[in-house]
Amino acid sequence: MEPLGRKHQKSVQIAWEQVLEAQPEVIVLALCGYDVSRVERDLELLRTYPGFDALPATRENRIHLVDANAFFSRPGPRIVDSLELLAGILHPENFPELLPVVGLLERR
């Protein structure tokens, strides 16, 4: 399975079927230009998609909403904060001190 992200290439829209096929273990919703409260609304829309509840990330409560506007949408000193945020999300057992972080909302 090819990853959904593509290194050194422009972003593209993917079909929901590709997400289902990838069976992600972790989902980080980082919507360009949006804060966490706006991302929450899109998560509620995603919950209506067929198969959403069967994804490993959903079953294991590994869906994370982040403030992409503050952390991921622009270069600068916050890039270190962004990497720490992702380290805490992807490897909480190794970086427990990095969660919770401002700009992150874990969905229960």
N, C-alpha and C. Protein backbone atom coordinates (compact mmCIF):
# COMPACT_ATOMS: atom_id res chain seq x y z
N MET A 1 0.84 -1.19 0.00
CA MET A 1 0.00 0.00 0.00
C MET A 1 0.87 1.24 0.00
N GLU A 2 0.64 2.11 -0.93
CA GLU A 2 1.34 3.39 -0.97
C GLU A 2 0.79 4.30 0.12
N PRO A 3 1.65 5.06 0.77
CA PRO A 3 1.13 6.02 1.77
C PRO A 3 0.27 7.08 1.09
N LEU A 4 -0.61 7.67 1.88
CA LEU A 4 -1.50 8.69 1.32
C LEU A 4 -0.77 10.00 1.07
N GLY A 5 0.26 10.28 1.85
CA GLY A 5 1.06 11.49 1.64
C GLY A 5 2.10 11.27 0.56
N ARG A 6 2.53 12.34 -0.07
CA ARG A 6 3.49 12.22 -1.15
C ARG A 6 4.62 13.21 -0.91
N LYS A 7 5.83 12.72 -0.76
CA LYS A 7 6.98 13.54 -0.47
C LYS A 7 7.35 14.41 -1.67
N HIS A 8 7.58 15.69 -1.42
CA HIS A 8 8.04 16.67 -2.42
C HIS A 8 7.07 16.84 -3.59
N GLN A 9 5.81 16.62 -3.34
CA GLN A 9 4.81 16.81 -4.39
C GLN A 9 3.66 17.64 -3.83
N LYS A 10 2.91 18.22 -4.73
CA LYS A 10 1.76 19.01 -4.33
C LYS A 10 0.69 18.13 -3.69
N SER A 11 -0.10 18.75 -2.85
CA SER A 11 -1.22 18.04 -2.25
C SER A 11 -2.25 17.70 -3.31
N VAL A 12 -2.92 16.60 -3.08
CA VAL A 12 -4.00 16.20 -3.99
C VAL A 12 -5.16 15.70 -3.16
N GLN A 13 -6.31 15.77 -3.74
CA GLN A 13 -7.50 15.21 -3.10
C GLN A 13 -7.48 13.70 -3.34
N ILE A 14 -7.83 12.96 -2.28
CA ILE A 14 -7.88 11.51 -2.42
C ILE A 14 -9.31 11.04 -2.19
N ALA A 15 -9.62 9.92 -2.74
CA ALA A 15 -10.96 9.34 -2.57
C ALA A 15 -11.06 8.68 -1.20
N TRP A 16 -12.25 8.68 -0.63
CA TRP A 16 -12.49 8.04 0.66
C TRP A 16 -12.10 6.56 0.61
N GLU A 17 -12.30 5.93 -0.53
CA GLU A 17 -11.94 4.53 -0.68
C GLU A 17 -10.45 4.30 -0.45
N GLN A 18 -9.61 5.29 -0.81
CA GLN A 18 -8.18 5.17 -0.58
C GLN A 18 -7.86 5.19 0.92
N VAL A 19 -8.60 5.98 1.67
CA VAL A 19 -8.41 6.01 3.12
C VAL A 19 -8.80 4.65 3.71
N LEU A 20 -9.95 4.14 3.28
CA LEU A 20 -10.40 2.84 3.77
C LEU A 20 -9.40 1.74 3.43
N GLU A 21 -8.86 1.80 2.24
CA GLU A 21 -7.88 0.80 1.81
C GLU A 21 -6.59 0.90 2.62
N ALA A 22 -6.18 2.10 2.98
CA ALA A 22 -4.94 2.31 3.74
C ALA A 22 -5.06 1.84 5.19
N GLN A 23 -6.29 1.80 5.73
CA GLN A 23 -6.51 1.37 7.11
C GLN A 23 -5.56 2.08 8.08
N PRO A 24 -5.63 3.42 8.15
CA PRO A 24 -4.69 4.16 9.00
C PRO A 24 -4.84 3.81 10.48
N GLU A 25 -3.69 3.68 11.13
CA GLU A 25 -3.67 3.43 12.57
C GLU A 25 -3.74 4.72 13.37
N VAL A 26 -3.34 5.83 12.73
CA VAL A 26 -3.39 7.16 13.34
C VAL A 26 -3.90 8.11 12.28
N ILE A 27 -4.78 9.01 12.68
CA ILE A 27 -5.24 10.08 11.79
C ILE A 27 -4.96 11.40 12.48
N VAL A 28 -4.25 12.28 11.78
CA VAL A 28 -4.00 13.64 12.26
C VAL A 28 -4.71 14.57 11.30
N LEU A 29 -5.73 15.23 11.80
CA LEU A 29 -6.46 16.19 10.97
C LEU A 29 -5.82 17.55 11.17
N ALA A 30 -5.07 17.96 10.17
CA ALA A 30 -4.36 19.24 10.19
C ALA A 30 -4.79 19.98 8.92
N LEU A 31 -5.88 20.70 9.02
CA LEU A 31 -6.46 21.35 7.84
C LEU A 31 -5.87 22.74 7.68
N CYS A 32 -5.23 22.96 6.57
CA CYS A 32 -4.50 24.21 6.31
C CYS A 32 -5.38 25.43 6.55
N GLY A 33 -4.90 26.29 7.43
CA GLY A 33 -5.59 27.54 7.70
C GLY A 33 -6.68 27.45 8.75
N TYR A 34 -6.92 26.26 9.31
CA TYR A 34 -8.00 26.09 10.27
C TYR A 34 -7.49 25.84 11.67
N ASP A 35 -8.22 26.37 12.64
CA ASP A 35 -7.92 26.07 14.03
C ASP A 35 -8.67 24.81 14.44
N VAL A 36 -8.45 24.36 15.66
CA VAL A 36 -9.00 23.09 16.12
C VAL A 36 -10.53 23.11 16.12
N SER A 37 -11.14 24.22 16.52
CA SER A 37 -12.60 24.24 16.57
C SER A 37 -13.21 24.06 15.18
N ARG A 38 -12.57 24.57 14.16
CA ARG A 38 -13.06 24.39 12.79
C ARG A 38 -12.84 22.94 12.33
N VAL A 39 -11.73 22.35 12.72
CA VAL A 39 -11.43 20.97 12.35
C VAL A 39 -12.44 20.02 12.99
N GLU A 40 -12.92 20.36 14.18
CA GLU A 40 -13.93 19.53 14.85
C GLU A 40 -15.16 19.34 13.98
N ARG A 41 -15.57 20.40 13.29
CA ARG A 41 -16.74 20.30 12.42
C ARG A 41 -16.50 19.32 11.28
N ASP A 42 -15.29 19.33 10.73
CA ASP A 42 -14.99 18.39 9.65
C ASP A 42 -14.90 16.96 10.17
N LEU A 43 -14.45 16.77 11.39
CA LEU A 43 -14.43 15.43 11.97
C LEU A 43 -15.85 14.89 12.07
N GLU A 44 -16.78 15.72 12.46
CA GLU A 44 -18.17 15.25 12.56
C GLU A 44 -18.70 14.83 11.19
N LEU A 45 -18.27 15.50 10.15
CA LEU A 45 -18.64 15.10 8.79
C LEU A 45 -18.00 13.75 8.45
N LEU A 46 -16.72 13.58 8.78
CA LEU A 46 -16.04 12.31 8.51
C LEU A 46 -16.71 11.14 9.20
N ARG A 47 -17.25 11.38 10.38
CA ARG A 47 -17.92 10.31 11.13
C ARG A 47 -19.11 9.72 10.36
N THR A 48 -19.65 10.47 9.41
CA THR A 48 -20.79 10.00 8.65
C THR A 48 -20.38 9.13 7.45
N TYR A 49 -19.08 9.09 7.13
CA TYR A 49 -18.61 8.33 5.98
C TYR A 49 -18.69 6.83 6.27
N PRO A 50 -19.07 6.04 5.27
CA PRO A 50 -19.15 4.59 5.46
C PRO A 50 -17.77 4.02 5.78
N GLY A 51 -17.72 3.17 6.80
CA GLY A 51 -16.48 2.51 7.18
C GLY A 51 -15.62 3.28 8.17
N PHE A 52 -16.01 4.50 8.51
CA PHE A 52 -15.20 5.31 9.42
C PHE A 52 -15.00 4.62 10.76
N ASP A 53 -16.07 4.07 11.31
CA ASP A 53 -15.98 3.42 12.62
C ASP A 53 -15.13 2.16 12.61
N ALA A 54 -14.89 1.58 11.44
CA ALA A 54 -14.11 0.35 11.35
C ALA A 54 -12.61 0.61 11.17
N LEU A 55 -12.21 1.85 10.96
CA LEU A 55 -10.79 2.15 10.78
C LEU A 55 -10.03 1.88 12.08
N PRO A 56 -8.81 1.35 11.98
CA PRO A 56 -8.02 1.14 13.19
C PRO A 56 -7.85 2.41 14.03
N ALA A 57 -7.64 3.54 13.39
CA ALA A 57 -7.47 4.80 14.13
C ALA A 57 -8.71 5.15 14.94
N THR A 58 -9.87 4.87 14.40
CA THR A 58 -11.12 5.15 15.11
C THR A 58 -11.30 4.17 16.26
N ARG A 59 -11.10 2.89 15.99
CA ARG A 59 -11.28 1.87 17.03
C ARG A 59 -10.31 2.06 18.20
N GLU A 60 -9.10 2.52 17.91
CA GLU A 60 -8.07 2.70 18.95
C GLU A 60 -8.02 4.13 19.50
N ASN A 61 -8.98 4.97 19.13
CA ASN A 61 -9.03 6.36 19.58
C ASN A 61 -7.72 7.10 19.28
N ARG A 62 -7.26 6.98 18.04
CA ARG A 62 -6.02 7.63 17.63
C ARG A 62 -6.30 8.66 16.55
N ILE A 63 -7.36 9.44 16.75
CA ILE A 63 -7.67 10.55 15.86
C ILE A 63 -7.32 11.82 16.60
N HIS A 64 -6.49 12.64 15.98
CA HIS A 64 -6.01 13.86 16.63
C HIS A 64 -6.32 15.05 15.75
N LEU A 65 -6.83 16.09 16.36
CA LEU A 65 -7.11 17.34 15.66
C LEU A 65 -6.06 18.34 16.08
N VAL A 66 -5.42 18.97 15.11
CA VAL A 66 -4.39 19.95 15.43
C VAL A 66 -4.68 21.28 14.75
N ASP A 67 -4.13 22.31 15.33
CA ASP A 67 -4.24 23.66 14.79
C ASP A 67 -3.20 23.81 13.69
N ALA A 68 -3.56 23.46 12.48
CA ALA A 68 -2.62 23.50 11.36
C ALA A 68 -2.16 24.92 11.09
N ASN A 69 -3.02 25.89 11.30
CA ASN A 69 -2.66 27.27 11.06
C ASN A 69 -1.49 27.68 11.95
N ALA A 70 -1.50 27.25 13.20
CA ALA A 70 -0.44 27.61 14.14
C ALA A 70 0.81 26.75 13.98
N PHE A 71 0.65 25.48 13.58
CA PHE A 71 1.78 24.56 13.62
C PHE A 71 2.31 24.10 12.27
N PHE A 72 1.47 23.94 11.28
CA PHE A 72 1.92 23.26 10.07
C PHE A 72 1.83 24.06 8.78
N SER A 73 1.16 25.19 8.79
CA SER A 73 0.89 25.90 7.54
C SER A 73 1.92 26.95 7.17
N ARG A 74 2.94 27.12 7.98
CA ARG A 74 3.94 28.13 7.65
C ARG A 74 5.29 27.74 8.25
N PRO A 75 6.36 28.08 7.55
CA PRO A 75 7.69 27.77 8.07
C PRO A 75 8.06 28.75 9.19
N GLY A 76 9.01 28.36 9.97
CA GLY A 76 9.49 29.24 11.03
C GLY A 76 9.86 28.45 12.26
N PRO A 77 10.08 29.16 13.36
CA PRO A 77 10.51 28.50 14.60
C PRO A 77 9.50 27.48 15.14
N ARG A 78 8.24 27.61 14.79
CA ARG A 78 7.23 26.66 15.28
C ARG A 78 7.37 25.28 14.68
N ILE A 79 8.26 25.12 13.70
CA ILE A 79 8.44 23.81 13.09
C ILE A 79 8.92 22.80 14.12
N VAL A 80 9.71 23.25 15.08
CA VAL A 80 10.16 22.34 16.15
C VAL A 80 8.97 21.94 17.00
N ASP A 81 8.10 22.90 17.33
CA ASP A 81 6.88 22.57 18.07
C ASP A 81 6.03 21.57 17.30
N SER A 82 5.97 21.75 15.99
CA SER A 82 5.19 20.85 15.14
C SER A 82 5.74 19.43 15.18
N LEU A 83 7.05 19.31 15.11
CA LEU A 83 7.68 17.98 15.17
C LEU A 83 7.45 17.33 16.52
N GLU A 84 7.53 18.11 17.59
CA GLU A 84 7.28 17.57 18.92
C GLU A 84 5.83 17.12 19.04
N LEU A 85 4.93 17.90 18.48
CA LEU A 85 3.52 17.54 18.49
C LEU A 85 3.29 16.20 17.80
N LEU A 86 3.89 16.03 16.62
CA LEU A 86 3.75 14.77 15.89
C LEU A 86 4.43 13.61 16.63
N ALA A 87 5.57 13.87 17.26
CA ALA A 87 6.24 12.81 18.04
C ALA A 87 5.34 12.33 19.16
N GLY A 88 4.68 13.25 19.85
CA GLY A 88 3.76 12.88 20.92
C GLY A 88 2.55 12.13 20.42
N ILE A 89 2.07 12.49 19.25
CA ILE A 89 0.91 11.82 18.66
C ILE A 89 1.28 10.41 18.19
N LEU A 90 2.38 10.30 17.47
CA LEU A 90 2.75 9.03 16.86
C LEU A 90 3.40 8.05 17.83
N HIS A 91 4.10 8.58 18.83
CA HIS A 91 4.82 7.72 19.78
C HIS A 91 4.61 8.20 21.21
N PRO A 92 3.38 8.17 21.69
CA PRO A 92 3.11 8.68 23.05
C PRO A 92 3.84 7.90 24.14
N GLU A 93 4.15 6.64 23.86
CA GLU A 93 4.88 5.85 24.86
C GLU A 93 6.32 6.34 25.02
N ASN A 94 6.89 6.94 23.99
CA ASN A 94 8.26 7.45 24.05
C ASN A 94 8.33 8.93 24.42
N PHE A 95 7.25 9.67 24.17
CA PHE A 95 7.24 11.11 24.41
C PHE A 95 6.00 11.54 25.18
N PRO A 96 5.73 10.96 26.34
CA PRO A 96 4.51 11.32 27.07
C PRO A 96 4.49 12.78 27.50
N GLU A 97 5.65 13.38 27.66
CA GLU A 97 5.71 14.77 28.07
C GLU A 97 5.25 15.74 26.98
N LEU A 98 5.12 15.25 25.76
CA LEU A 98 4.72 16.11 24.65
C LEU A 98 3.22 16.16 24.45
N LEU A 99 2.45 15.43 25.25
CA LEU A 99 0.99 15.48 25.19
C LEU A 99 0.47 15.78 26.58
N PRO A 100 -0.54 16.54 26.77
CA PRO A 100 -1.19 17.34 25.73
C PRO A 100 -0.39 18.61 25.43
N VAL A 101 -0.64 19.15 24.28
CA VAL A 101 0.04 20.35 23.80
C VAL A 101 -1.03 21.32 23.34
N VAL A 102 -0.77 22.60 23.49
CA VAL A 102 -1.68 23.61 22.97
C VAL A 102 -1.83 23.39 21.47
N GLY A 103 -3.06 23.44 20.99
CA GLY A 103 -3.31 23.25 19.56
C GLY A 103 -3.66 21.83 19.20
N LEU A 104 -3.79 20.97 20.19
CA LEU A 104 -4.11 19.58 19.93
C LEU A 104 -5.37 19.23 20.69
N LEU A 105 -6.25 18.52 20.05
CA LEU A 105 -7.45 18.03 20.71
C LEU A 105 -7.58 16.57 20.38
N GLU A 106 -7.51 15.71 21.38
CA GLU A 106 -7.73 14.28 21.15
C GLU A 106 -9.23 14.04 21.23
N ARG A 107 -9.73 13.25 20.31
CA ARG A 107 -11.15 12.93 20.30
C ARG A 107 -11.38 11.65 21.07
N ARG A 108 -12.34 11.62 21.92
CA ARG A 108 -12.68 10.43 22.72
C ARG A 108 -13.97 9.85 22.21
